[in-house]
Amino acid sequence: MTIKVSAVVSHESPWWVARCVEAEVSSQGTSEQEALENLKDAVEAYLKAEPILTLDEPPRLEEIEVGS
């Protein structure tokens, strides 16, 4: 079974960090592509140990303002 998940990628020098939105899984790499490849492996391992994610609707990215 194949499922699609969302990834947020950021550059936290010297690493690229990729985080899965639907599961509390993250990974890193020396390039954006490597971070995403490592995240794919990490999410696949996570899903083998945890139940399949079920969402009523796909996640969406919301920007919020914090601070004064």
Protein backbone atom coordinates (compact mmCIF):
# COMPACT_ATOMS: atom_id res chain seq x y z
CA MET A 1 0.00 0.00 0.00
CA THR A 2 1.23 3.48 -0.86
CA ILE A 3 0.17 6.60 1.00
CA LYS A 4 1.15 10.23 0.55
CA VAL A 5 2.37 12.33 3.45
CA SER A 6 3.47 15.94 3.67
CA ALA A 7 7.02 17.01 4.48
CA VAL A 8 8.31 20.33 5.76
CA VAL A 9 11.95 20.97 4.86
CA SER A 10 14.20 23.55 6.47
CA HIS A 11 17.89 24.37 6.34
CA GLU A 12 19.45 24.34 9.80
CA SER A 13 23.08 24.77 8.84
CA PRO A 14 24.91 22.59 8.18
CA TRP A 15 21.94 20.19 7.93
CA TRP A 16 18.76 20.00 5.93
CA VAL A 17 15.91 18.80 8.15
CA ALA A 18 12.74 17.12 6.86
CA ARG A 19 9.68 16.62 9.08
CA CYS A 20 6.58 14.58 8.35
CA VAL A 21 3.41 16.59 9.06
CA GLU A 22 1.14 13.60 9.69
CA ALA A 23 3.47 11.69 12.02
CA GLU A 24 6.01 12.83 14.56
CA VAL A 25 8.92 11.71 12.40
CA SER A 26 11.88 13.75 11.20
CA SER A 27 15.23 13.19 9.57
CA GLN A 28 18.18 15.15 8.28
CA GLY A 29 20.78 15.10 5.52
CA THR A 30 23.58 17.11 3.99
CA SER A 31 21.26 18.12 1.12
CA GLU A 32 17.53 18.70 0.77
CA GLN A 33 17.20 15.57 -1.36
CA GLU A 34 19.13 13.44 1.17
CA ALA A 35 16.95 14.72 4.02
CA LEU A 36 13.79 13.78 2.06
CA GLU A 37 15.18 10.33 1.18
CA ASN A 38 16.07 9.74 4.83
CA LEU A 39 12.61 10.92 5.89
CA LYS A 40 10.99 8.48 3.47
CA ASP A 41 12.94 5.62 5.06
CA ALA A 42 12.10 6.84 8.57
CA VAL A 43 8.36 7.18 7.83
CA GLU A 44 8.28 3.71 6.25
CA ALA A 45 9.90 2.26 9.40
CA TYR A 46 7.46 4.20 11.59
CA LEU A 47 4.43 2.91 9.68
CA LYS A 48 5.59 -0.68 10.09
CA ALA A 49 5.42 -0.21 13.88
CA GLU A 50 2.34 2.07 14.06
CA PRO A 51 -1.16 1.84 12.59
CA ILE A 52 -1.78 3.43 9.20
CA LEU A 53 -2.61 7.10 9.42
CA THR A 54 -6.25 7.95 8.83
CA LEU A 55 -7.19 11.54 8.27
CA ASP A 56 -10.64 13.01 7.73
CA GLU A 57 -9.11 15.55 5.35
CA PRO A 58 -5.60 16.27 4.12
CA PRO A 59 -3.44 18.47 6.32
CA ARG A 60 -2.96 22.06 5.30
CA LEU A 61 -0.28 24.53 6.19
CA GLU A 62 -1.44 27.47 8.28
CA GLU A 63 0.75 30.45 9.15
CA ILE A 64 0.18 32.09 12.50
CA GLU A 65 1.72 35.14 14.11
CA VAL A 66 3.20 34.86 17.59
CA GLY A 67 4.79 37.42 19.87
CA SER A 68 3.93 41.05 20.43
